Amino acid sequence: LEGLDLALFPLGSLMAEQLTTFEFLGVNSPDEVVSWQAYYWVYIFAAS
């Protein structure tokens, strides 16, 4: 569990943050509504 806390969980959090940033999703501003289709990389990542 300590190894998971030190290595795997931070990596997963970093990947989740990167896959959901506005720049990655192709959104111009944080106020813009994001369509569910924009998260297709998140769906592909979860499935894989």
All heavy atoms as atom14 arrays in JSON, in Angstrom:
{
  "sequence": "LEGLDLALFPLGSLMAEQLTTFEFLGVNSPDEVVSWQAYYWVYIFAAS",
  "atom14_mask": [
    [1, 1, 1, 1, 1, 1, 1, 1, 0, 0, 0, 0, 0, 0],
    [1, 1, 1, 1, 1, 1, 1, 1, 1, 0, 0, 0, 0, 0],
    [1, 1, 1, 1, 0, 0, 0, 0, 0, 0, 0, 0, 0, 0],
    [1, 1, 1, 1, 1, 1, 1, 1, 0, 0, 0, 0, 0, 0],
    [1, 1, 1, 1, 1, 1, 1, 1, 0, 0, 0, 0, 0, 0],
    [1, 1, 1, 1, 1, 1, 1, 1, 0, 0, 0, 0, 0, 0],
    [1, 1, 1, 1, 1, 0, 0, 0, 0, 0, 0, 0, 0, 0],
    [1, 1, 1, 1, 1, 1, 1, 1, 0, 0, 0, 0, 0, 0],
    [1, 1, 1, 1, 1, 1, 1, 1, 1, 1, 1, 0, 0, 0],
    [1, 1, 1, 1, 1, 1, 1, 0, 0, 0, 0, 0, 0, 0],
    [1, 1, 1, 1, 1, 1, 1, 1, 0, 0, 0, 0, 0, 0],
    [1, 1, 1, 1, 0, 0, 0, 0, 0, 0, 0, 0, 0, 0],
    [1, 1, 1, 1, 1, 1, 0, 0, 0, 0, 0, 0, 0, 0],
    [1, 1, 1, 1, 1, 1, 1, 1, 0, 0, 0, 0, 0, 0],
    [1, 1, 1, 1, 1, 1, 1, 1, 0, 0, 0, 0, 0, 0],
    [1, 1, 1, 1, 1, 0, 0, 0, 0, 0, 0, 0, 0, 0],
    [1, 1, 1, 1, 1, 1, 1, 1, 1, 0, 0, 0, 0, 0],
    [1, 1, 1, 1, 1, 1, 1, 1, 1, 0, 0, 0, 0, 0],
    [1, 1, 1, 1, 1, 1, 1, 1, 0, 0, 0, 0, 0, 0],
    [1, 1, 1, 1, 1, 1, 1, 0, 0, 0, 0, 0, 0, 0],
    [1, 1, 1, 1, 1, 1, 1, 0, 0, 0, 0, 0, 0, 0],
    [1, 1, 1, 1, 1, 1, 1, 1, 1, 1, 1, 0, 0, 0],
    [1, 1, 1, 1, 1, 1, 1, 1, 1, 0, 0, 0, 0, 0],
    [1, 1, 1, 1, 1, 1, 1, 1, 1, 1, 1, 0, 0, 0],
    [1, 1, 1, 1, 1, 1, 1, 1, 0, 0, 0, 0, 0, 0],
    [1, 1, 1, 1, 0, 0, 0, 0, 0, 0, 0, 0, 0, 0],
    [1, 1, 1, 1, 1, 1, 1, 0, 0, 0, 0, 0, 0, 0],
    [1, 1, 1, 1, 1, 1, 1, 1, 0, 0, 0, 0, 0, 0],
    [1, 1, 1, 1, 1, 1, 0, 0, 0, 0, 0, 0, 0, 0],
    [1, 1, 1, 1, 1, 1, 1, 0, 0, 0, 0, 0, 0, 0],
    [1, 1, 1, 1, 1, 1, 1, 1, 0, 0, 0, 0, 0, 0],
    [1, 1, 1, 1, 1, 1, 1, 1, 1, 0, 0, 0, 0, 0],
    [1, 1, 1, 1, 1, 1, 1, 0, 0, 0, 0, 0, 0, 0],
    [1, 1, 1, 1, 1, 1, 1, 0, 0, 0, 0, 0, 0, 0],
    [1, 1, 1, 1, 1, 1, 0, 0, 0, 0, 0, 0, 0, 0],
    [1, 1, 1, 1, 1, 1, 1, 1, 1, 1, 1, 1, 1, 1],
    [1, 1, 1, 1, 1, 1, 1, 1, 1, 0, 0, 0, 0, 0],
    [1, 1, 1, 1, 1, 0, 0, 0, 0, 0, 0, 0, 0, 0],
    [1, 1, 1, 1, 1, 1, 1, 1, 1, 1, 1, 1, 0, 0],
    [1, 1, 1, 1, 1, 1, 1, 1, 1, 1, 1, 1, 0, 0],
    [1, 1, 1, 1, 1, 1, 1, 1, 1, 1, 1, 1, 1, 1],
    [1, 1, 1, 1, 1, 1, 1, 0, 0, 0, 0, 0, 0, 0],
    [1, 1, 1, 1, 1, 1, 1, 1, 1, 1, 1, 1, 0, 0],
    [1, 1, 1, 1, 1, 1, 1, 1, 0, 0, 0, 0, 0, 0],
    [1, 1, 1, 1, 1, 1, 1, 1, 1, 1, 1, 0, 0, 0],
    [1, 1, 1, 1, 1, 0, 0, 0, 0, 0, 0, 0, 0, 0],
    [1, 1, 1, 1, 1, 0, 0, 0, 0, 0, 0, 0, 0, 0],
    [1, 1, 1, 1, 1, 1, 0, 0, 0, 0, 0, 0, 0, 0]
  ],
  "atom14_positions": [
    [[0.82, -1.22, 0.0], [0.0, 0.0, 0.0], [0.85, 1.26, 0.0], [0.5, 2.26, -0.64], [-0.95, -0.01, 1.2], [-2.06, -1.06, 1.14], [-2.87, -1.03, 2.43], [-2.94, -0.84, -0.07], [0.0, 0.0, 0.0], [0.0, 0.0, 0.0], [0.0, 0.0, 0.0], [0.0, 0.0, 0.0], [0.0, 0.0, 0.0], [0.0, 0.0, 0.0]],
    [[1.97, 1.23, 0.68], [2.88, 2.38, 0.67], [3.46, 2.6, -0.73], [3.58, 3.72, -1.19], [4.0, 2.18, 1.7], [4.86, 3.39, 1.91], [4.12, 4.58, 2.48], [3.11, 4.41, 3.19], [4.56, 5.72, 2.2], [0.0, 0.0, 0.0], [0.0, 0.0, 0.0], [0.0, 0.0, 0.0], [0.0, 0.0, 0.0], [0.0, 0.0, 0.0]],
    [[3.8, 1.51, -1.39], [4.28, 1.61, -2.77], [3.23, 2.18, -3.7], [3.54, 3.0, -4.58], [0.0, 0.0, 0.0], [0.0, 0.0, 0.0], [0.0, 0.0, 0.0], [0.0, 0.0, 0.0], [0.0, 0.0, 0.0], [0.0, 0.0, 0.0], [0.0, 0.0, 0.0], [0.0, 0.0, 0.0], [0.0, 0.0, 0.0], [0.0, 0.0, 0.0]],
    [[1.97, 1.78, -3.51], [0.9, 2.36, -4.32], [0.77, 3.86, -4.06], [0.59, 4.64, -5.0], [-0.43, 1.67, -4.0], [-0.62, 0.25, -4.53], [-1.96, -0.29, -4.06], [-0.53, 0.21, -6.03], [0.0, 0.0, 0.0], [0.0, 0.0, 0.0], [0.0, 0.0, 0.0], [0.0, 0.0, 0.0], [0.0, 0.0, 0.0], [0.0, 0.0, 0.0]],
    [[0.84, 4.25, -2.78], [0.73, 5.67, -2.44], [1.87, 6.49, -3.02], [1.67, 7.64, -3.41], [0.7, 5.85, -0.92], [-0.66, 5.56, -0.32], [-1.65, 5.58, -1.06], [-0.71, 5.32, 0.9], [0.0, 0.0, 0.0], [0.0, 0.0, 0.0], [0.0, 0.0, 0.0], [0.0, 0.0, 0.0], [0.0, 0.0, 0.0], [0.0, 0.0, 0.0]],
    [[3.05, 5.92, -3.07], [4.21, 6.66, -3.55], [4.33, 6.7, -5.07], [4.81, 7.68, -5.63], [5.5, 6.07, -2.97], [5.71, 6.24, -1.48], [6.95, 5.49, -1.02], [5.84, 7.71, -1.13], [0.0, 0.0, 0.0], [0.0, 0.0, 0.0], [0.0, 0.0, 0.0], [0.0, 0.0, 0.0], [0.0, 0.0, 0.0], [0.0, 0.0, 0.0]],
    [[3.9, 5.64, -5.76], [4.17, 5.55, -7.19], [2.91, 5.57, -8.05], [2.78, 6.41, -8.94], [4.96, 4.28, -7.48], [0.0, 0.0, 0.0], [0.0, 0.0, 0.0], [0.0, 0.0, 0.0], [0.0, 0.0, 0.0], [0.0, 0.0, 0.0], [0.0, 0.0, 0.0], [0.0, 0.0, 0.0], [0.0, 0.0, 0.0], [0.0, 0.0, 0.0]],
    [[1.99, 4.66, -7.81], [0.88, 4.47, -8.73], [-0.21, 5.51, -8.59], [-0.7, 6.05, -9.6], [0.3, 3.07, -8.55], [-0.54, 2.54, -9.7], [0.25, 2.55, -10.99], [-1.02, 1.16, -9.4], [0.0, 0.0, 0.0], [0.0, 0.0, 0.0], [0.0, 0.0, 0.0], [0.0, 0.0, 0.0], [0.0, 0.0, 0.0], [0.0, 0.0, 0.0]],
    [[-0.62, 5.84, -7.38], [-1.7, 6.81, -7.19], [-1.34, 8.2, -7.71], [-2.16, 8.83, -8.38], [-2.15, 6.86, -5.73], [-2.83, 5.59, -5.27], [-2.82, 5.26, -3.94], [-3.47, 4.75, -6.15], [-3.44, 4.09, -3.49], [-4.09, 3.59, -5.72], [-4.08, 3.26, -4.38], [0.0, 0.0, 0.0], [0.0, 0.0, 0.0], [0.0, 0.0, 0.0]],
    [[-0.13, 8.73, -7.44], [0.21, 10.03, -8.01], [0.24, 10.01, -9.54], [-0.17, 10.97, -10.18], [1.6, 10.32, -7.45], [1.7, 9.52, -6.21], [0.88, 8.29, -6.48], [0.0, 0.0, 0.0], [0.0, 0.0, 0.0], [0.0, 0.0, 0.0], [0.0, 0.0, 0.0], [0.0, 0.0, 0.0], [0.0, 0.0, 0.0], [0.0, 0.0, 0.0]],
    [[0.69, 8.9, -10.11], [0.71, 8.79, -11.57], [-0.71, 8.8, -12.13], [-0.99, 9.48, -13.12], [1.43, 7.5, -11.98], [1.53, 7.23, -13.48], [2.38, 8.29, -14.15], [2.11, 5.85, -13.71], [0.0, 0.0, 0.0], [0.0, 0.0, 0.0], [0.0, 0.0, 0.0], [0.0, 0.0, 0.0], [0.0, 0.0, 0.0], [0.0, 0.0, 0.0]],
    [[-1.62, 8.09, -11.5], [-3.02, 8.09, -11.93], [-3.66, 9.45, -11.8], [-4.41, 9.89, -12.68], [0.0, 0.0, 0.0], [0.0, 0.0, 0.0], [0.0, 0.0, 0.0], [0.0, 0.0, 0.0], [0.0, 0.0, 0.0], [0.0, 0.0, 0.0], [0.0, 0.0, 0.0], [0.0, 0.0, 0.0], [0.0, 0.0, 0.0], [0.0, 0.0, 0.0]],
    [[-3.37, 10.14, -10.72], [-3.91, 11.5, -10.53], [-3.38, 12.44, -11.6], [-4.12, 13.26, -12.15], [-3.56, 12.03, -9.15], [-4.15, 11.25, -8.16], [0.0, 0.0, 0.0], [0.0, 0.0, 0.0], [0.0, 0.0, 0.0], [0.0, 0.0, 0.0], [0.0, 0.0, 0.0], [0.0, 0.0, 0.0], [0.0, 0.0, 0.0], [0.0, 0.0, 0.0]],
    [[-2.09, 12.34, -11.88], [-1.48, 13.19, -12.91], [-2.1, 12.92, -14.28], [-2.43, 13.86, -15.02], [0.03, 12.96, -12.96], [0.81, 13.77, -13.99], [0.72, 15.26, -13.67], [2.25, 13.31, -14.03], [0.0, 0.0, 0.0], [0.0, 0.0, 0.0], [0.0, 0.0, 0.0], [0.0, 0.0, 0.0], [0.0, 0.0, 0.0], [0.0, 0.0, 0.0]],
    [[-2.3, 11.65, -14.6], [-2.91, 11.32, -15.89], [-4.34, 11.81, -15.96], [-4.78, 12.33, -17.0], [-2.86, 9.81, -16.13], [-1.47, 9.3, -16.4], [-1.42, 7.54, -16.66], [-2.16, 7.42, -18.27], [0.0, 0.0, 0.0], [0.0, 0.0, 0.0], [0.0, 0.0, 0.0], [0.0, 0.0, 0.0], [0.0, 0.0, 0.0], [0.0, 0.0, 0.0]],
    [[-5.09, 11.69, -14.88], [-6.47, 12.18, -14.87], [-6.52, 13.69, -15.05], [-7.37, 14.21, -15.79], [-7.15, 11.78, -13.56], [0.0, 0.0, 0.0], [0.0, 0.0, 0.0], [0.0, 0.0, 0.0], [0.0, 0.0, 0.0], [0.0, 0.0, 0.0], [0.0, 0.0, 0.0], [0.0, 0.0, 0.0], [0.0, 0.0, 0.0], [0.0, 0.0, 0.0]],
    [[-5.62, 14.39, -14.39], [-5.56, 15.85, -14.55], [-5.22, 16.23, -15.99], [-5.82, 17.13, -16.57], [-4.53, 16.45, -13.6], [-4.97, 16.46, -12.15], [-3.86, 16.93, -11.22], [-2.92, 17.6, -11.7], [-3.93, 16.61, -10.02], [0.0, 0.0, 0.0], [0.0, 0.0, 0.0], [0.0, 0.0, 0.0], [0.0, 0.0, 0.0], [0.0, 0.0, 0.0]],
    [[-4.25, 15.53, -16.57], [-3.83, 15.86, -17.94], [-4.91, 15.53, -18.96], [-5.09, 16.27, -19.93], [-2.54, 15.12, -18.29], [-1.35, 15.64, -17.54], [-0.09, 14.81, -17.82], [-0.15, 13.72, -18.35], [1.06, 15.36, -17.43], [0.0, 0.0, 0.0], [0.0, 0.0, 0.0], [0.0, 0.0, 0.0], [0.0, 0.0, 0.0], [0.0, 0.0, 0.0]],
    [[-5.65, 14.44, -18.77], [-6.69, 14.06, -19.72], [-7.92, 14.95, -19.64], [-8.75, 14.92, -20.55], [-7.1, 12.6, -19.51], [-6.12, 11.54, -19.98], [-6.58, 10.16, -19.55], [-5.95, 11.59, -21.49], [0.0, 0.0, 0.0], [0.0, 0.0, 0.0], [0.0, 0.0, 0.0], [0.0, 0.0, 0.0], [0.0, 0.0, 0.0], [0.0, 0.0, 0.0]],
    [[-8.05, 15.71, -18.56], [-9.24, 16.54, -18.39], [-8.95, 18.04, -18.37], [-9.83, 18.82, -18.03], [-9.99, 16.15, -17.09], [-9.1, 16.26, -15.99], [-10.52, 14.73, -17.18], [0.0, 0.0, 0.0], [0.0, 0.0, 0.0], [0.0, 0.0, 0.0], [0.0, 0.0, 0.0], [0.0, 0.0, 0.0], [0.0, 0.0, 0.0], [0.0, 0.0, 0.0]],
    [[-7.74, 18.44, -18.74], [-7.47, 19.88, -18.82], [-8.23, 20.48, -19.99], [-8.55, 19.82, -20.97], [-5.96, 20.16, -19.01], [-5.53, 19.55, -20.22], [-5.15, 19.67, -17.83], [0.0, 0.0, 0.0], [0.0, 0.0, 0.0], [0.0, 0.0, 0.0], [0.0, 0.0, 0.0], [0.0, 0.0, 0.0], [0.0, 0.0, 0.0], [0.0, 0.0, 0.0]],
    [[-8.53, 21.77, -19.89], [-9.28, 22.45, -20.94], [-8.52, 22.47, -22.25], [-9.12, 22.34, -23.32], [-9.64, 23.87, -20.49], [-10.61, 23.91, -19.35], [-10.23, 24.4, -18.11], [-11.89, 23.41, -19.5], [-11.12, 24.41, -17.06], [-12.79, 23.42, -18.45], [-12.4, 23.91, -17.22], [0.0, 0.0, 0.0], [0.0, 0.0, 0.0], [0.0, 0.0, 0.0]],
    [[-7.21, 22.61, -22.17], [-6.41, 22.62, -23.39], [-6.48, 21.28, -24.11], [-6.61, 21.21, -25.33], [-4.94, 22.96, -23.09], [-4.71, 24.34, -22.5], [-4.94, 24.4, -20.99], [-4.81, 23.35, -20.32], [-5.25, 25.48, -20.49], [0.0, 0.0, 0.0], [0.0, 0.0, 0.0], [0.0, 0.0, 0.0], [0.0, 0.0, 0.0], [0.0, 0.0, 0.0]],
    [[-6.4, 20.19, -23.35], [-6.44, 18.86, -23.96], [-7.81, 18.56, -24.55], [-7.93, 17.89, -25.57], [-6.07, 17.79, -22.91], [-5.93, 16.42, -23.48], [-4.79, 16.05, -24.17], [-6.95, 15.49, -23.33], [-4.67, 14.77, -24.71], [-6.83, 14.22, -23.86], [-5.69, 13.86, -24.55], [0.0, 0.0, 0.0], [0.0, 0.0, 0.0], [0.0, 0.0, 0.0]],
    [[-8.87, 19.04, -23.89], [-10.23, 18.79, -24.36], [-10.61, 19.7, -25.52], [-11.68, 19.53, -26.12], [-11.22, 18.98, -23.21], [-11.12, 17.96, -22.07], [-12.05, 18.34, -20.95], [-11.41, 16.57, -22.57], [0.0, 0.0, 0.0], [0.0, 0.0, 0.0], [0.0, 0.0, 0.0], [0.0, 0.0, 0.0], [0.0, 0.0, 0.0], [0.0, 0.0, 0.0]],
    [[-9.77, 20.68, -25.84], [-10.06, 21.57, -26.95], [-11.04, 22.68, -26.6], [-11.72, 23.19, -27.47], [0.0, 0.0, 0.0], [0.0, 0.0, 0.0], [0.0, 0.0, 0.0], [0.0, 0.0, 0.0], [0.0, 0.0, 0.0], [0.0, 0.0, 0.0], [0.0, 0.0, 0.0], [0.0, 0.0, 0.0], [0.0, 0.0, 0.0], [0.0, 0.0, 0.0]],
    [[-11.1, 23.03, -25.33], [-12.0, 24.09, -24.88], [-11.18, 25.37, -24.72], [-10.06, 25.35, -24.22], [-12.66, 23.7, -23.54], [-13.54, 24.79, -23.02], [-13.43, 22.41, -23.7], [0.0, 0.0, 0.0], [0.0, 0.0, 0.0], [0.0, 0.0, 0.0], [0.0, 0.0, 0.0], [0.0, 0.0, 0.0], [0.0, 0.0, 0.0], [0.0, 0.0, 0.0]],
    [[-11.75, 26.48, -25.17], [-11.02, 27.75, -25.15], [-10.99, 28.41, -23.79], [-10.01, 29.03, -23.41], [-11.6, 28.7, -26.19], [-11.46, 28.14, -27.6], [-10.49, 27.44, -27.88], [-12.42, 28.42, -28.45], [0.0, 0.0, 0.0], [0.0, 0.0, 0.0], [0.0, 0.0, 0.0], [0.0, 0.0, 0.0], [0.0, 0.0, 0.0], [0.0, 0.0, 0.0]],
    [[-12.09, 28.31, -23.04], [-12.13, 28.98, -21.74], [-12.8, 28.05, -20.72], [-13.6, 27.2, -21.08], [-12.91, 30.29, -21.83], [-14.29, 30.04, -22.0], [0.0, 0.0, 0.0], [0.0, 0.0, 0.0], [0.0, 0.0, 0.0], [0.0, 0.0, 0.0], [0.0, 0.0, 0.0], [0.0, 0.0, 0.0], [0.0, 0.0, 0.0], [0.0, 0.0, 0.0]],
    [[-12.49, 28.25, -19.45], [-13.1, 27.41, -18.41], [-14.61, 27.6, -18.29], [-15.3, 26.74, -17.76], [-12.4, 27.86, -17.12], [-11.17, 28.54, -17.55], [-11.43, 29.1, -18.91], [0.0, 0.0, 0.0], [0.0, 0.0, 0.0], [0.0, 0.0, 0.0], [0.0, 0.0, 0.0], [0.0, 0.0, 0.0], [0.0, 0.0, 0.0], [0.0, 0.0, 0.0]],
    [[-15.13, 28.71, -18.8], [-16.57, 28.98, -18.71], [-17.36, 28.23, -19.79], [-18.57, 28.1, -19.69], [-16.83, 30.47, -18.84], [-16.17, 31.25, -17.71], [-16.05, 30.67, -16.61], [-15.78, 32.41, -17.93], [0.0, 0.0, 0.0], [0.0, 0.0, 0.0], [0.0, 0.0, 0.0], [0.0, 0.0, 0.0], [0.0, 0.0, 0.0], [0.0, 0.0, 0.0]],
    [[-16.67, 27.76, -20.82], [-17.34, 27.07, -21.92], [-17.83, 25.71, -21.47], [-17.16, 24.99, -20.75], [-16.35, 26.93, -23.08], [-16.96, 26.43, -24.36], [-15.93, 26.39, -25.48], [-14.94, 27.13, -25.41], [-16.12, 25.6, -26.41], [0.0, 0.0, 0.0], [0.0, 0.0, 0.0], [0.0, 0.0, 0.0], [0.0, 0.0, 0.0], [0.0, 0.0, 0.0]],
    [[-19.02, 25.34, -21.9], [-19.61, 24.04, -21.56], [-18.9, 22.96, -22.37], [-18.74, 23.08, -23.59], [-21.12, 24.03, -21.85], [-21.71, 22.65, -21.59], [-21.82, 25.08, -21.03], [0.0, 0.0, 0.0], [0.0, 0.0, 0.0], [0.0, 0.0, 0.0], [0.0, 0.0, 0.0], [0.0, 0.0, 0.0], [0.0, 0.0, 0.0], [0.0, 0.0, 0.0]],
    [[-18.48, 21.91, -21.68], [-17.76, 20.82, -22.33], [-18.73, 19.69, -22.62], [-19.43, 19.22, -21.74], [-16.6, 20.31, -21.44], [-15.84, 19.21, -22.14], [-15.68, 21.45, -21.06], [0.0, 0.0, 0.0], [0.0, 0.0, 0.0], [0.0, 0.0, 0.0], [0.0, 0.0, 0.0], [0.0, 0.0, 0.0], [0.0, 0.0, 0.0], [0.0, 0.0, 0.0]],
    [[-18.77, 19.25, -23.86], [-19.63, 18.15, -24.27], [-19.05, 16.82, -23.78], [-17.83, 16.68, -23.63], [-19.74, 18.14, -25.79], [-20.38, 16.97, -26.23], [0.0, 0.0, 0.0], [0.0, 0.0, 0.0], [0.0, 0.0, 0.0], [0.0, 0.0, 0.0], [0.0, 0.0, 0.0], [0.0, 0.0, 0.0], [0.0, 0.0, 0.0], [0.0, 0.0, 0.0]],
    [[-19.91, 15.85, -23.59], [-19.44, 14.54, -23.14], [-18.57, 13.87, -24.19], [-17.74, 13.04, -23.86], [-20.62, 13.64, -22.77], [-21.54, 13.31, -23.91], [-22.67, 13.99, -24.28], [-21.42, 12.22, -24.82], [-23.24, 13.4, -25.37], [-22.5, 12.3, -25.73], [-20.51, 11.19, -24.97], [-22.69, 11.39, -26.76], [-20.7, 10.28, -26.01], [-21.78, 10.38, -26.88]],
    [[-18.71, 14.26, -25.46], [-17.9, 13.67, -26.52], [-16.43, 14.09, -26.42], [-15.55, 13.39, -26.92], [-18.43, 14.06, -27.91], [-19.74, 13.42, -28.25], [-20.9, 14.4, -28.11], [-20.78, 15.42, -27.42], [-22.02, 14.08, -28.73], [0.0, 0.0, 0.0], [0.0, 0.0, 0.0], [0.0, 0.0, 0.0], [0.0, 0.0, 0.0], [0.0, 0.0, 0.0]],
    [[-16.16, 15.22, -25.79], [-14.79, 15.72, -25.69], [-13.93, 14.83, -24.8], [-12.7, 14.88, -24.87], [-14.79, 17.14, -25.15], [0.0, 0.0, 0.0], [0.0, 0.0, 0.0], [0.0, 0.0, 0.0], [0.0, 0.0, 0.0], [0.0, 0.0, 0.0], [0.0, 0.0, 0.0], [0.0, 0.0, 0.0], [0.0, 0.0, 0.0], [0.0, 0.0, 0.0]],
    [[-14.54, 14.0, -24.0], [-13.8, 13.15, -23.06], [-13.49, 11.77, -23.64], [-13.26, 10.82, -22.91], [-14.61, 12.97, -21.77], [-14.7, 14.22, -20.94], [-15.77, 15.09, -21.09], [-13.71, 14.53, -20.03], [-15.85, 16.24, -20.33], [-13.79, 15.68, -19.27], [-14.86, 16.54, -19.43], [-14.94, 17.67, -18.68], [0.0, 0.0, 0.0], [0.0, 0.0, 0.0]],
    [[-13.46, 11.64, -24.96], [-13.28, 10.32, -25.57], [-11.97, 9.65, -25.16], [-11.91, 8.44, -25.03], [-13.44, 10.36, -27.09], [-12.37, 11.13, -27.83], [-11.24, 10.49, -28.31], [-12.5, 12.49, -28.04], [-10.27, 11.19, -28.99], [-11.53, 13.2, -28.71], [-10.42, 12.54, -29.19], [-9.45, 13.24, -29.86], [0.0, 0.0, 0.0], [0.0, 0.0, 0.0]],
    [[-10.9, 10.42, -24.91], [-9.64, 9.81, -24.46], [-9.78, 9.22, -23.06], [-9.14, 8.22, -22.74], [-8.5, 10.83, -24.48], [-7.92, 11.0, -25.85], [-7.99, 12.1, -26.63], [-7.2, 10.03, -26.6], [-7.37, 11.88, -27.82], [-6.86, 10.6, -27.84], [-6.81, 8.71, -26.37], [-6.16, 9.93, -28.82], [-6.11, 8.04, -27.35], [-5.79, 8.64, -28.56]],
    [[-10.62, 9.83, -22.24], [-10.86, 9.29, -20.9], [-11.57, 7.95, -21.01], [-11.23, 6.98, -20.31], [-11.67, 10.29, -20.05], [-12.02, 9.7, -18.7], [-10.92, 11.59, -19.89], [0.0, 0.0, 0.0], [0.0, 0.0, 0.0], [0.0, 0.0, 0.0], [0.0, 0.0, 0.0], [0.0, 0.0, 0.0], [0.0, 0.0, 0.0], [0.0, 0.0, 0.0]],
    [[-12.56, 7.85, -21.92], [-13.27, 6.59, -22.11], [-12.32, 5.51, -22.65], [-12.37, 4.36, -22.2], [-14.43, 6.76, -23.1], [-15.38, 7.88, -22.77], [-15.87, 8.71, -23.76], [-15.79, 8.14, -21.46], [-16.73, 9.75, -23.48], [-16.65, 9.18, -21.17], [-17.12, 9.98, -22.19], [-17.97, 11.01, -21.91], [0.0, 0.0, 0.0], [0.0, 0.0, 0.0]],
    [[-11.48, 5.88, -23.6], [-10.53, 4.92, -24.16], [-9.54, 4.46, -23.1], [-9.22, 3.27, -22.99], [-9.79, 5.55, -25.37], [-10.76, 5.76, -26.53], [-8.6, 4.7, -25.8], [-10.2, 6.59, -27.66], [0.0, 0.0, 0.0], [0.0, 0.0, 0.0], [0.0, 0.0, 0.0], [0.0, 0.0, 0.0], [0.0, 0.0, 0.0], [0.0, 0.0, 0.0]],
    [[-9.06, 5.39, -22.27], [-8.13, 5.05, -21.21], [-8.78, 4.11, -20.19], [-8.19, 3.09, -19.8], [-7.63, 6.32, -20.52], [-6.67, 6.07, -19.4], [-5.39, 5.62, -19.66], [-7.05, 6.27, -18.09], [-4.49, 5.38, -18.63], [-6.17, 6.04, -17.05], [-4.89, 5.59, -17.33], [0.0, 0.0, 0.0], [0.0, 0.0, 0.0], [0.0, 0.0, 0.0]],
    [[-10.01, 4.41, -19.79], [-10.72, 3.56, -18.82], [-10.93, 2.16, -19.4], [-10.7, 1.16, -18.71], [-12.05, 4.18, -18.44], [0.0, 0.0, 0.0], [0.0, 0.0, 0.0], [0.0, 0.0, 0.0], [0.0, 0.0, 0.0], [0.0, 0.0, 0.0], [0.0, 0.0, 0.0], [0.0, 0.0, 0.0], [0.0, 0.0, 0.0], [0.0, 0.0, 0.0]],
    [[-11.34, 2.08, -20.65], [-11.57, 0.78, -21.28], [-10.28, -0.02, -21.4], [-10.26, -1.22, -21.13], [-12.21, 0.96, -22.65], [0.0, 0.0, 0.0], [0.0, 0.0, 0.0], [0.0, 0.0, 0.0], [0.0, 0.0, 0.0], [0.0, 0.0, 0.0], [0.0, 0.0, 0.0], [0.0, 0.0, 0.0], [0.0, 0.0, 0.0], [0.0, 0.0, 0.0]],
    [[-9.19, 0.64, -21.75], [-7.92, -0.08, -21.91], [-7.37, -0.55, -20.57], [-6.82, -1.66, -20.46], [-6.9, 0.76, -22.66], [-6.62, 1.95, -21.97], [0.0, 0.0, 0.0], [0.0, 0.0, 0.0], [0.0, 0.0, 0.0], [0.0, 0.0, 0.0], [0.0, 0.0, 0.0], [0.0, 0.0, 0.0], [0.0, 0.0, 0.0], [0.0, 0.0, 0.0]]
  ]
}
